[in-house]
């Protein structure tokens, strides 16, 4: 199982949008390794991933929650850094997204469930 490509801290604010105890984010990871995801979708509560979808360049989606993980995708083992901290690294483009955007990719990843 791959680990999150970034380290650990706590949520704050991003792009003038308040990040509360629970939020959703999309992180585009700019790289050329076909084995790693290119978009990391996360539902974060109190700094921890509670649901996650990894999107690969070939369109494949892998998901994880507290009861399911795949060979390539599992929840982070450390708290997720604040969005602006992730965005400070040029290999990442971060967006705090609304619940509907996350729920859409979550349903797709789980085969419409």
PDB file of N, CA and C in Angstrom:
ATOM      1  N   UNK A   1       0.842  -1.170   0.000  1.00  0.00           N
ATOM      2  CA  UNK A   1       0.000   0.000   0.000  1.00  0.00           C
ATOM      3  C   UNK A   1       0.888   1.235   0.000  1.00  0.00           C
ATOM      4  N   UNK A   2       0.558   2.215  -0.843  1.00  0.00           N
ATOM      5  CA  UNK A   2       1.349   3.435  -0.890  1.00  0.00           C
ATOM      6  C   UNK A   2       0.909   4.394   0.206  1.00  0.00           C
ATOM      7  N   UNK A   3       1.823   5.179   0.672  1.00  0.00           N
ATOM      8  CA  UNK A   3       1.523   6.190   1.674  1.00  0.00           C
ATOM      9  C   UNK A   3       1.251   7.517   0.982  1.00  0.00           C
ATOM     10  N   UNK A   4       0.632   8.422   1.689  1.00  0.00           N
ATOM     11  CA  UNK A   4       0.403   9.765   1.183  1.00  0.00           C
ATOM     12  C   UNK A   4       1.745  10.403   0.849  1.00  0.00           C
ATOM     13  N   UNK A   5       1.830  11.148  -0.267  1.00  0.00           N
ATOM     14  CA  UNK A   5       3.107  11.728  -0.658  1.00  0.00           C
ATOM     15  C   UNK A   5       3.510  12.962   0.143  1.00  0.00           C
ATOM     16  N   UNK A   6       2.731  13.352   1.136  1.00  0.00           N
ATOM     17  CA  UNK A   6       3.096  14.509   1.945  1.00  0.00           C
ATOM     18  C   UNK A   6       3.066  14.159   3.413  1.00  0.00           C
ATOM     19  N   UNK A   7       3.676  15.022   4.216  1.00  0.00           N
ATOM     20  CA  UNK A   7       3.846  14.789   5.655  1.00  0.00           C
ATOM     21  C   UNK A   7       2.638  15.112   6.503  1.00  0.00           C
ATOM     22  N   UNK A   8       2.842  15.634   7.707  1.00  0.00           N
ATOM     23  CA  UNK A   8       1.751  15.770   8.672  1.00  0.00           C
ATOM     24  C   UNK A   8       1.670  17.129   9.335  1.00  0.00           C
ATOM     25  N   UNK A   9       0.448  17.640   9.506  1.00  0.00           N
ATOM     26  CA  UNK A   9       0.146  18.801  10.343  1.00  0.00           C
ATOM     27  C   UNK A   9      -1.369  18.825  10.560  1.00  0.00           C
ATOM     28  N   UNK A  10      -1.977  20.012  10.763  1.00  0.00           N
ATOM     29  CA  UNK A  10      -3.420  20.106  10.997  1.00  0.00           C
ATOM     30  C   UNK A  10      -4.066  21.057  10.006  1.00  0.00           C
ATOM     31  N   UNK A  11      -5.395  20.953   9.751  1.00  0.00           N
ATOM     32  CA  UNK A  11      -6.070  21.812   8.787  1.00  0.00           C
ATOM     33  C   UNK A  11      -6.121  23.281   9.216  1.00  0.00           C
ATOM     34  N   UNK A  12      -6.237  24.191   8.219  1.00  0.00           N
ATOM     35  CA  UNK A  12      -6.389  25.621   8.500  1.00  0.00           C
ATOM     36  C   UNK A  12      -7.264  26.251   7.421  1.00  0.00           C
ATOM     37  N   UNK A  13      -6.694  27.107   6.545  1.00  0.00           N
ATOM     38  CA  UNK A  13      -7.476  27.718   5.471  1.00  0.00           C
ATOM     39  C   UNK A  13      -6.758  27.551   4.146  1.00  0.00           C
ATOM     40  N   UNK A  14      -7.518  27.664   3.050  1.00  0.00           N
ATOM     41  CA  UNK A  14      -6.944  27.538   1.720  1.00  0.00           C
ATOM     42  C   UNK A  14      -7.766  28.378   0.761  1.00  0.00           C
ATOM     43  N   UNK A  15      -7.109  29.259   0.009  1.00  0.00           N
ATOM     44  CA  UNK A  15      -7.769  30.070  -1.015  1.00  0.00           C
ATOM     45  C   UNK A  15      -8.985  30.809  -0.455  1.00  0.00           C
ATOM     46  N   UNK A  16      -8.821  31.437   0.705  1.00  0.00           N
ATOM     47  CA  UNK A  16      -9.873  32.221   1.352  1.00  0.00           C
ATOM     48  C   UNK A  16     -11.092  31.404   1.760  1.00  0.00           C
ATOM     49  N   UNK A  17     -10.989  30.099   1.778  1.00  0.00           N
ATOM     50  CA  UNK A  17     -12.094  29.257   2.210  1.00  0.00           C
ATOM     51  C   UNK A  17     -11.704  28.618   3.539  1.00  0.00           C
ATOM     52  N   UNK A  18     -12.555  28.787   4.544  1.00  0.00           N
ATOM     53  CA  UNK A  18     -12.247  28.216   5.859  1.00  0.00           C
ATOM     54  C   UNK A  18     -12.222  26.698   5.789  1.00  0.00           C
ATOM     55  N   UNK A  19     -11.233  26.120   6.399  1.00  0.00           N
ATOM     56  CA  UNK A  19     -11.147  24.673   6.505  1.00  0.00           C
ATOM     57  C   UNK A  19     -11.514  24.338   7.939  1.00  0.00           C
ATOM     58  N   UNK A  20     -12.629  23.662   8.101  1.00  0.00           N
ATOM     59  CA  UNK A  20     -13.125  23.349   9.436  1.00  0.00           C
ATOM     60  C   UNK A  20     -12.658  21.960   9.864  1.00  0.00           C
ATOM     61  N   UNK A  21     -13.250  21.454  10.921  1.00  0.00           N
ATOM     62  CA  UNK A  21     -12.863  20.136  11.433  1.00  0.00           C
ATOM     63  C   UNK A  21     -13.022  19.049  10.382  1.00  0.00           C
ATOM     64  N   UNK A  22     -13.991  19.190   9.465  1.00  0.00           N
ATOM     65  CA  UNK A  22     -14.172  18.241   8.379  1.00  0.00           C
ATOM     66  C   UNK A  22     -14.224  18.973   7.057  1.00  0.00           C
ATOM     67  N   UNK A  23     -13.460  18.506   6.070  1.00  0.00           N
ATOM     68  CA  UNK A  23     -13.477  19.137   4.750  1.00  0.00           C
ATOM     69  C   UNK A  23     -13.045  18.123   3.700  1.00  0.00           C
ATOM     70  N   UNK A  24     -13.144  18.532   2.451  1.00  0.00           N
ATOM     71  CA  UNK A  24     -12.804  17.686   1.312  1.00  0.00           C
ATOM     72  C   UNK A  24     -11.753  18.404   0.490  1.00  0.00           C
ATOM     73  N   UNK A  25     -10.797  17.654  -0.054  1.00  0.00           N
ATOM     74  CA  UNK A  25      -9.799  18.291  -0.910  1.00  0.00           C
ATOM     75  C   UNK A  25      -9.457  17.395  -2.094  1.00  0.00           C
ATOM     76  N   UNK A  26      -8.999  18.064  -3.152  1.00  0.00           N
ATOM     77  CA  UNK A  26      -8.486  17.395  -4.348  1.00  0.00           C
ATOM     78  C   UNK A  26      -7.067  17.897  -4.545  1.00  0.00           C
ATOM     79  N   UNK A  27      -6.126  16.966  -4.622  1.00  0.00           N
ATOM     80  CA  UNK A  27      -4.728  17.324  -4.819  1.00  0.00           C
ATOM     81  C   UNK A  27      -4.261  16.706  -6.137  1.00  0.00           C
ATOM     82  N   UNK A  28      -3.892  17.562  -7.089  1.00  0.00           N
ATOM     83  CA  UNK A  28      -3.295  17.067  -8.330  1.00  0.00           C
ATOM     84  C   UNK A  28      -1.799  16.926  -8.081  1.00  0.00           C
ATOM     85  N   UNK A  29      -1.284  15.735  -8.359  1.00  0.00           N
ATOM     86  CA  UNK A  29       0.119  15.427  -8.133  1.00  0.00           C
ATOM     87  C   UNK A  29       0.786  15.359  -9.488  1.00  0.00           C
ATOM     88  N   UNK A  30       1.662  16.325  -9.771  1.00  0.00           N
ATOM     89  CA  UNK A  30       2.316  16.450 -11.077  1.00  0.00           C
ATOM     90  C   UNK A  30       3.576  15.593 -11.098  1.00  0.00           C
ATOM     91  N   UNK A  31       3.503  14.475 -11.813  1.00  0.00           N
ATOM     92  CA  UNK A  31       4.646  13.563 -11.926  1.00  0.00           C
ATOM     93  C   UNK A  31       4.439  12.671 -13.144  1.00  0.00           C
ATOM     94  N   UNK A  32       5.418  11.850 -13.467  1.00  0.00           N
ATOM     95  CA  UNK A  32       5.357  10.979 -14.641  1.00  0.00           C
ATOM     96  C   UNK A  32       5.367   9.492 -14.298  1.00  0.00           C
ATOM     97  N   UNK A  33       5.182   9.133 -13.051  1.00  0.00           N
ATOM     98  CA  UNK A  33       5.219   7.732 -12.640  1.00  0.00           C
ATOM     99  C   UNK A  33       3.822   7.119 -12.759  1.00  0.00           C
ATOM    100  N   UNK A  34       3.633   6.225 -13.729  1.00  0.00           N
ATOM    101  CA  UNK A  34       2.321   5.621 -13.981  1.00  0.00           C
ATOM    102  C   UNK A  34       1.816   4.781 -12.813  1.00  0.00           C
ATOM    103  N   UNK A  35       2.691   4.399 -11.900  1.00  0.00           N
ATOM    104  CA  UNK A  35       2.263   3.574 -10.769  1.00  0.00           C
ATOM    105  C   UNK A  35       1.679   4.385  -9.615  1.00  0.00           C
ATOM    106  N   UNK A  36       1.885   5.702  -9.631  1.00  0.00           N
ATOM    107  CA  UNK A  36       1.350   6.559  -8.579  1.00  0.00           C
ATOM    108  C   UNK A  36       0.134   7.321  -9.093  1.00  0.00           C
ATOM    109  N   UNK A  37      -0.809   7.629  -8.198  1.00  0.00           N
ATOM    110  CA  UNK A  37      -1.993   8.384  -8.622  1.00  0.00           C
ATOM    111  C   UNK A  37      -1.622   9.807  -9.038  1.00  0.00           C
ATOM    112  N   UNK A  38      -2.466  10.396  -9.890  1.00  0.00           N
ATOM    113  CA  UNK A  38      -2.256  11.776 -10.318  1.00  0.00           C
ATOM    114  C   UNK A  38      -3.215  12.746  -9.635  1.00  0.00           C
ATOM    115  N   UNK A  39      -4.312  12.218  -9.083  1.00  0.00           N
ATOM    116  CA  UNK A  39      -5.236  13.045  -8.302  1.00  0.00           C
ATOM    117  C   UNK A  39      -5.562  12.287  -7.017  1.00  0.00           C
ATOM    118  N   UNK A  40      -5.433  12.986  -5.890  1.00  0.00           N
ATOM    119  CA  UNK A  40      -5.696  12.422  -4.571  1.00  0.00           C
ATOM    120  C   UNK A  40      -6.923  13.145  -4.001  1.00  0.00           C
ATOM    121  N   UNK A  41      -8.019  12.441  -3.890  1.00  0.00           N
ATOM    122  CA  UNK A  41      -9.264  13.000  -3.350  1.00  0.00           C
ATOM    123  C   UNK A  41      -9.374  12.550  -1.901  1.00  0.00           C
ATOM    124  N   UNK A  42      -9.642  13.469  -0.974  1.00  0.00           N
ATOM    125  CA  UNK A  42      -9.699  13.096   0.438  1.00  0.00           C
ATOM    126  C   UNK A  42     -10.849  13.765   1.168  1.00  0.00           C
ATOM    127  N   UNK A  43     -11.454  13.006   2.075  1.00  0.00           N
ATOM    128  CA  UNK A  43     -12.388  13.528   3.077  1.00  0.00           C
ATOM    129  C   UNK A  43     -11.581  13.530   4.363  1.00  0.00           C
ATOM    130  N   UNK A  44     -11.396  14.702   4.931  1.00  0.00           N
ATOM    131  CA  UNK A  44     -10.510  14.869   6.084  1.00  0.00           C
ATOM    132  C   UNK A  44     -11.325  15.372   7.269  1.00  0.00           C
ATOM    133  N   UNK A  45     -11.148  14.719   8.411  1.00  0.00           N
ATOM    134  CA  UNK A  45     -11.824  15.116   9.647  1.00  0.00           C
ATOM    135  C   UNK A  45     -10.766  15.239  10.742  1.00  0.00           C
ATOM    136  N   UNK A  46     -10.727  16.402  11.363  1.00  0.00           N
ATOM    137  CA  UNK A  46      -9.763  16.666  12.432  1.00  0.00           C
ATOM    138  C   UNK A  46      -8.333  16.326  12.016  1.00  0.00           C
ATOM    139  N   UNK A  47      -8.008  16.610  10.759  1.00  0.00           N
ATOM    140  CA  UNK A  47      -6.659  16.403  10.251  1.00  0.00           C
ATOM    141  C   UNK A  47      -6.374  15.016   9.707  1.00  0.00           C
ATOM    142  N   UNK A  48      -7.309  14.085   9.818  1.00  0.00           N
ATOM    143  CA  UNK A  48      -7.092  12.701   9.386  1.00  0.00           C
ATOM    144  C   UNK A  48      -7.964  12.344   8.187  1.00  0.00           C
ATOM    145  N   UNK A  49      -7.405  11.591   7.248  1.00  0.00           N
ATOM    146  CA  UNK A  49      -8.210  11.065   6.156  1.00  0.00           C
ATOM    147  C   UNK A  49      -9.191  10.039   6.717  1.00  0.00           C
ATOM    148  N   UNK A  50     -10.468  10.179   6.342  1.00  0.00           N
ATOM    149  CA  UNK A  50     -11.463   9.181   6.726  1.00  0.00           C
ATOM    150  C   UNK A  50     -11.991   8.438   5.502  1.00  0.00           C
ATOM    151  N   UNK A  51     -11.893   9.068   4.344  1.00  0.00           N
ATOM    152  CA  UNK A  51     -12.198   8.429   3.066  1.00  0.00           C
ATOM    153  C   UNK A  51     -11.245   9.012   2.035  1.00  0.00           C
ATOM    154  N   UNK A  52     -10.910   8.187   1.045  1.00  0.00           N
ATOM    155  CA  UNK A  52      -9.910   8.621   0.076  1.00  0.00           C
ATOM    156  C   UNK A  52     -10.153   7.919  -1.258  1.00  0.00           C
ATOM    157  N   UNK A  53      -9.929   8.642  -2.351  1.00  0.00           N
ATOM    158  CA  UNK A  53      -9.948   8.055  -3.682  1.00  0.00           C
ATOM    159  C   UNK A  53      -8.667   8.485  -4.382  1.00  0.00           C
ATOM    160  N   UNK A  54      -7.943   7.520  -4.920  1.00  0.00           N
ATOM    161  CA  UNK A  54      -6.769   7.811  -5.739  1.00  0.00           C
ATOM    162  C   UNK A  54      -7.158   7.606  -7.190  1.00  0.00           C
ATOM    163  N   UNK A  55      -6.874   8.616  -8.016  1.00  0.00           N
ATOM    164  CA  UNK A  55      -7.181   8.565  -9.447  1.00  0.00           C
ATOM    165  C   UNK A  55      -5.865   8.471 -10.207  1.00  0.00           C
ATOM    166  N   UNK A  56      -5.754   7.469 -11.068  1.00  0.00           N
ATOM    167  CA  UNK A  56      -4.531   7.224 -11.815  1.00  0.00           C
ATOM    168  C   UNK A  56      -4.652   7.785 -13.225  1.00  0.00           C
ATOM    169  N   UNK A  57      -3.527   8.019 -13.884  1.00  0.00           N
ATOM    170  CA  UNK A  57      -3.504   8.618 -15.220  1.00  0.00           C
ATOM    171  C   UNK A  57      -4.311   7.806 -16.229  1.00  0.00           C
ATOM    172  N   UNK A  58      -4.391   6.497 -16.045  1.00  0.00           N
ATOM    173  CA  UNK A  58      -5.142   5.647 -16.973  1.00  0.00           C
ATOM    174  C   UNK A  58      -6.641   5.646 -16.688  1.00  0.00           C
ATOM    175  N   UNK A  59      -7.089   6.445 -15.708  1.00  0.00           N
ATOM    176  CA  UNK A  59      -8.508   6.543 -15.376  1.00  0.00           C
ATOM    177  C   UNK A  59      -8.950   5.612 -14.262  1.00  0.00           C
ATOM    178  N   UNK A  60      -8.088   4.721 -13.835  1.00  0.00           N
ATOM    179  CA  UNK A  60      -8.413   3.791 -12.754  1.00  0.00           C
ATOM    180  C   UNK A  60      -8.605   4.555 -11.450  1.00  0.00           C
ATOM    181  N   UNK A  61      -9.582   4.105 -10.651  1.00  0.00           N
ATOM    182  CA  UNK A  61      -9.857   4.704  -9.347  1.00  0.00           C
ATOM    183  C   UNK A  61      -9.694   3.634  -8.275  1.00  0.00           C
ATOM    184  N   UNK A  62      -9.037   3.969  -7.179  1.00  0.00           N
ATOM    185  CA  UNK A  62      -8.891   3.075  -6.034  1.00  0.00           C
ATOM    186  C   UNK A  62      -9.342   3.849  -4.804  1.00  0.00           C
ATOM    187  N   UNK A  63     -10.065   3.177  -3.911  1.00  0.00           N
ATOM    188  CA  UNK A  63     -10.612   3.874  -2.755  1.00  0.00           C
ATOM    189  C   UNK A  63     -10.258   3.173  -1.450  1.00  0.00           C
ATOM    190  N   UNK A  64     -10.366   3.956  -0.383  1.00  0.00           N
ATOM    191  CA  UNK A  64     -10.109   3.424   0.951  1.00  0.00           C
ATOM    192  C   UNK A  64     -10.967   4.160   1.966  1.00  0.00           C
ATOM    193  N   UNK A  65     -11.352   3.420   2.991  1.00  0.00           N
ATOM    194  CA  UNK A  65     -11.964   4.007   4.180  1.00  0.00           C
ATOM    195  C   UNK A  65     -11.500   3.167   5.366  1.00  0.00           C
ATOM    196  N   UNK A  66     -12.133   3.323   6.514  1.00  0.00           N
ATOM    197  CA  UNK A  66     -11.645   2.601   7.695  1.00  0.00           C
ATOM    198  C   UNK A  66     -11.892   1.099   7.646  1.00  0.00           C
ATOM    199  N   UNK A  67     -12.649   0.627   6.638  1.00  0.00           N
ATOM    200  CA  UNK A  67     -12.922  -0.808   6.531  1.00  0.00           C
ATOM    201  C   UNK A  67     -12.421  -1.434   5.234  1.00  0.00           C
ATOM    202  N   UNK A  68     -11.868  -0.609   4.349  1.00  0.00           N
ATOM    203  CA  UNK A  68     -11.452  -1.129   3.042  1.00  0.00           C
ATOM    204  C   UNK A  68     -10.201  -0.383   2.573  1.00  0.00           C
ATOM    205  N   UNK A  69      -9.263  -1.124   2.026  1.00  0.00           N
ATOM    206  CA  UNK A  69      -8.121  -0.528   1.345  1.00  0.00           C
ATOM    207  C   UNK A  69      -7.721  -1.472   0.227  1.00  0.00           C
ATOM    208  N   UNK A  70      -6.911  -0.972  -0.679  1.00  0.00           N
ATOM    209  CA  UNK A  70      -6.438  -1.799  -1.785  1.00  0.00           C
ATOM    210  C   UNK A  70      -4.927  -1.945  -1.668  1.00  0.00           C
ATOM    211  N   UNK A  71      -4.369  -2.667  -2.594  1.00  0.00           N
ATOM    212  CA  UNK A  71      -2.916  -2.831  -2.623  1.00  0.00           C
ATOM    213  C   UNK A  71      -2.208  -1.489  -2.809  1.00  0.00           C
ATOM    214  N   UNK A  72      -2.864  -0.554  -3.499  1.00  0.00           N
ATOM    215  CA  UNK A  72      -2.241   0.738  -3.799  1.00  0.00           C
ATOM    216  C   UNK A  72      -2.752   1.896  -2.958  1.00  0.00           C
ATOM    217  N   UNK A  73      -3.913   1.739  -2.315  1.00  0.00           N
ATOM    218  CA  UNK A  73      -4.547   2.884  -1.664  1.00  0.00           C
ATOM    219  C   UNK A  73      -5.042   2.541  -0.267  1.00  0.00           C
ATOM    220  N   UNK A  74      -4.574   3.314   0.703  1.00  0.00           N
ATOM    221  CA  UNK A  74      -5.030   3.181   2.080  1.00  0.00           C
ATOM    222  C   UNK A  74      -5.059   4.555   2.721  1.00  0.00           C
ATOM    223  N   UNK A  75      -5.727   4.668   3.840  1.00  0.00           N
ATOM    224  CA  UNK A  75      -5.773   5.942   4.555  1.00  0.00           C
ATOM    225  C   UNK A  75      -4.391   6.275   5.099  1.00  0.00           C
ATOM    226  N   UNK A  76      -4.109   7.573   5.190  1.00  0.00           N
ATOM    227  CA  UNK A  76      -2.831   8.028   5.715  1.00  0.00           C
ATOM    228  C   UNK A  76      -2.614   7.569   7.148  1.00  0.00           C
ATOM    229  N   UNK A  77      -1.380   7.308   7.499  1.00  0.00           N
ATOM    230  CA  UNK A  77      -1.019   6.857   8.839  1.00  0.00           C
ATOM    231  C   UNK A  77      -0.617   8.021   9.750  1.00  0.00           C
ATOM    232  N   UNK A  78      -0.572   9.215   9.177  1.00  0.00           N
ATOM    233  CA  UNK A  78      -0.264  10.441   9.918  1.00  0.00           C
ATOM    234  C   UNK A  78      -1.277  11.504   9.504  1.00  0.00           C
ATOM    235  N   UNK A  79      -1.472  12.539  10.320  1.00  0.00           N
ATOM    236  CA  UNK A  79      -2.386  13.616   9.923  1.00  0.00           C
ATOM    237  C   UNK A  79      -1.954  14.260   8.598  1.00  0.00           C
ATOM    238  N   UNK A  80      -2.926  14.760   7.862  1.00  0.00           N
ATOM    239  CA  UNK A  80      -2.683  15.400   6.569  1.00  0.00           C
ATOM    240  C   UNK A  80      -2.274  16.860   6.808  1.00  0.00           C
ATOM    241  N   UNK A  81      -1.266  17.351   6.087  1.00  0.00           N
ATOM    242  CA  UNK A  81      -0.889  18.763   6.244  1.00  0.00           C
ATOM    243  C   UNK A  81      -2.024  19.694   5.806  1.00  0.00           C
ATOM    244  N   UNK A  82      -1.955  20.917   6.274  1.00  0.00           N
ATOM    245  CA  UNK A  82      -2.923  21.931   5.847  1.00  0.00           C
ATOM    246  C   UNK A  82      -2.818  22.121   4.335  1.00  0.00           C
ATOM    247  N   UNK A  83      -3.923  22.456   3.675  1.00  0.00           N
ATOM    248  CA  UNK A  83      -3.899  22.617   2.210  1.00  0.00           C
ATOM    249  C   UNK A  83      -2.813  23.575   1.722  1.00  0.00           C
ATOM    250  N   UNK A  84      -2.622  24.703   2.398  1.00  0.00           N
ATOM    251  CA  UNK A  84      -1.610  25.655   1.921  1.00  0.00           C
ATOM    252  C   UNK A  84      -0.198  25.108   2.079  1.00  0.00           C
ATOM    253  N   UNK A  85       0.003  24.226   3.031  1.00  0.00           N
ATOM    254  CA  UNK A  85       1.321  23.602   3.174  1.00  0.00           C
ATOM    255  C   UNK A  85       1.583  22.633   2.023  1.00  0.00           C
ATOM    256  N   UNK A  86       0.566  21.877   1.649  1.00  0.00           N
ATOM    257  CA  UNK A  86       0.706  20.984   0.500  1.00  0.00           C
ATOM    258  C   UNK A  86       0.960  21.808  -0.757  1.00  0.00           C
ATOM    259  N   UNK A  87       0.191  22.887  -0.932  1.00  0.00           N
ATOM    260  CA  UNK A  87       0.297  23.733  -2.125  1.00  0.00           C
ATOM    261  C   UNK A  87       1.649  24.432  -2.234  1.00  0.00           C
ATOM    262  N   UNK A  88       2.374  24.562  -1.137  1.00  0.00           N
ATOM    263  CA  UNK A  88       3.696  25.200  -1.173  1.00  0.00           C
ATOM    264  C   UNK A  88       4.707  24.362  -1.953  1.00  0.00           C
ATOM    265  N   UNK A  89       4.420  23.082  -2.128  1.00  0.00           N
ATOM    266  CA  UNK A  89       5.289  22.195  -2.903  1.00  0.00           C
ATOM    267  C   UNK A  89       4.815  22.240  -4.359  1.00  0.00           C
ATOM    268  N   UNK A  90       5.664  22.647  -5.299  1.00  0.00           N
ATOM    269  CA  UNK A  90       5.224  22.833  -6.689  1.00  0.00           C
ATOM    270  C   UNK A  90       4.757  21.560  -7.387  1.00  0.00           C
ATOM    271  N   UNK A  91       5.020  20.401  -6.815  1.00  0.00           N
ATOM    272  CA  UNK A  91       4.527  19.189  -7.471  1.00  0.00           C
ATOM    273  C   UNK A  91       3.044  18.939  -7.186  1.00  0.00           C
ATOM    274  N   UNK A  92       2.426  19.782  -6.322  1.00  0.00           N
ATOM    275  CA  UNK A  92       1.017  19.612  -5.975  1.00  0.00           C
ATOM    276  C   UNK A  92       0.207  20.865  -6.288  1.00  0.00           C
ATOM    277  N   UNK A  93      -1.027  20.655  -6.773  1.00  0.00           N
ATOM    278  CA  UNK A  93      -2.019  21.716  -6.919  1.00  0.00           C
ATOM    279  C   UNK A  93      -3.203  21.298  -6.070  1.00  0.00           C
ATOM    280  N   UNK A  94      -3.570  22.128  -5.106  1.00  0.00           N
ATOM    281  CA  UNK A  94      -4.579  21.763  -4.108  1.00  0.00           C
ATOM    282  C   UNK A  94      -5.835  22.607  -4.285  1.00  0.00           C
ATOM    283  N   UNK A  95      -6.986  21.960  -4.110  1.00  0.00           N
ATOM    284  CA  UNK A  95      -8.263  22.676  -4.070  1.00  0.00           C
ATOM    285  C   UNK A  95      -9.100  22.092  -2.945  1.00  0.00           C
ATOM    286  N   UNK A  96      -9.650  22.965  -2.096  1.00  0.00           N
ATOM    287  CA  UNK A  96     -10.656  22.542  -1.139  1.00  0.00           C
ATOM    288  C   UNK A  96     -11.946  22.500  -1.942  1.00  0.00           C
ATOM    289  N   UNK A  97     -12.631  21.351  -1.915  1.00  0.00           N
ATOM    290  CA  UNK A  97     -13.809  21.139  -2.753  1.00  0.00           C
ATOM    291  C   UNK A  97     -15.043  20.940  -1.880  1.00  0.00           C
ATOM    292  N   UNK A  98     -16.222  20.988  -2.516  1.00  0.00           N
ATOM    293  CA  UNK A  98     -17.434  20.769  -1.736  1.00  0.00           C
ATOM    294  C   UNK A  98     -17.756  19.280  -1.652  1.00  0.00           C
ATOM    295  N   UNK A  99     -18.637  18.951  -0.740  1.00  0.00           N
ATOM    296  CA  UNK A  99     -18.988  17.557  -0.486  1.00  0.00           C
ATOM    297  C   UNK A  99     -19.526  16.873  -1.734  1.00  0.00           C
ATOM    298  N   UNK A 100     -20.304  17.579  -2.548  1.00  0.00           N
ATOM    299  CA  UNK A 100     -20.896  16.970  -3.747  1.00  0.00           C
ATOM    300  C   UNK A 100     -19.818  16.498  -4.718  1.00  0.00           C
ATOM    301  N   UNK A 101     -18.758  17.274  -4.889  1.00  0.00           N
ATOM    302  CA  UNK A 101     -17.668  16.854  -5.775  1.00  0.00           C
ATOM    303  C   UNK A 101     -17.008  15.581  -5.248  1.00  0.00           C
ATOM    304  N   UNK A 102     -16.739  15.552  -3.953  1.00  0.00           N
ATOM    305  CA  UNK A 102     -16.128  14.354  -3.383  1.00  0.00           C
ATOM    306  C   UNK A 102     -17.072  13.160  -3.493  1.00  0.00           C
ATOM    307  N   UNK A 103     -18.335  13.341  -3.145  1.00  0.00           N
ATOM    308  CA  UNK A 103     -19.283  12.227  -3.170  1.00  0.00           C
ATOM    309  C   UNK A 103     -19.422  11.656  -4.581  1.00  0.00           C
ATOM    310  N   UNK A 104     -19.316  12.504  -5.608  1.00  0.00           N
ATOM    311  CA  UNK A 104     -19.386  12.022  -6.987  1.00  0.00           C
ATOM    312  C   UNK A 104     -18.245  11.074  -7.315  1.00  0.00           C
ATOM    313  N   UNK A 105     -17.020  11.449  -6.984  1.00  0.00           N
ATOM    314  CA  UNK A 105     -15.863  10.582  -7.266  1.00  0.00           C
ATOM    315  C   UNK A 105     -15.907   9.357  -6.355  1.00  0.00           C
ATOM    316  N   UNK A 106     -16.380   9.506  -5.135  1.00  0.00           N
ATOM    317  CA  UNK A 106     -16.496   8.387  -4.207  1.00  0.00           C
ATOM    318  C   UNK A 106     -17.444   7.317  -4.775  1.00  0.00           C
ATOM    319  N   UNK A 107     -18.606   7.750  -5.292  1.00  0.00           N
ATOM    320  CA  UNK A 107     -19.552   6.808  -5.887  1.00  0.00           C
ATOM    321  C   UNK A 107     -18.965   6.121  -7.119  1.00  0.00           C
ATOM    322  N   UNK A 108     -18.293   6.904  -7.982  1.00  0.00           N
ATOM    323  CA  UNK A 108     -17.651   6.315  -9.178  1.00  0.00           C
ATOM    324  C   UNK A 108     -16.624   5.276  -8.782  1.00  0.00           C
ATOM    325  N   UNK A 109     -15.789   5.601  -7.801  1.00  0.00           N
ATOM    326  CA  UNK A 109     -14.736   4.687  -7.382  1.00  0.00           C
ATOM    327  C   UNK A 109     -15.301   3.385  -6.832  1.00  0.00           C
ATOM    328  N   UNK A 110     -16.457   3.472  -6.209  1.00  0.00           N
ATOM    329  CA  UNK A 110     -17.086   2.297  -5.588  1.00  0.00           C
ATOM    330  C   UNK A 110     -18.086   1.635  -6.519  1.00  0.00           C
ATOM    331  N   UNK A 111     -18.034   1.959  -7.802  1.00  0.00           N
ATOM    332  CA  UNK A 111     -18.919   1.317  -8.766  1.00  0.00           C
ATOM    333  C   UNK A 111     -20.359   1.739  -8.654  1.00  0.00           C
ATOM    334  N   UNK A 112     -20.585   3.004  -8.289  1.00  0.00           N
ATOM    335  CA  UNK A 112     -21.945   3.531  -8.202  1.00  0.00           C
ATOM    336  C   UNK A 112     -22.635   3.294  -6.876  1.00  0.00           C
ATOM    337  N   UNK A 113     -21.940   2.694  -5.916  1.00  0.00           N
ATOM    338  CA  UNK A 113     -22.550   2.414  -4.598  1.00  0.00           C
ATOM    339  C   UNK A 113     -22.569   3.658  -3.752  1.00  0.00           C
TER     340      UNK A 113
END
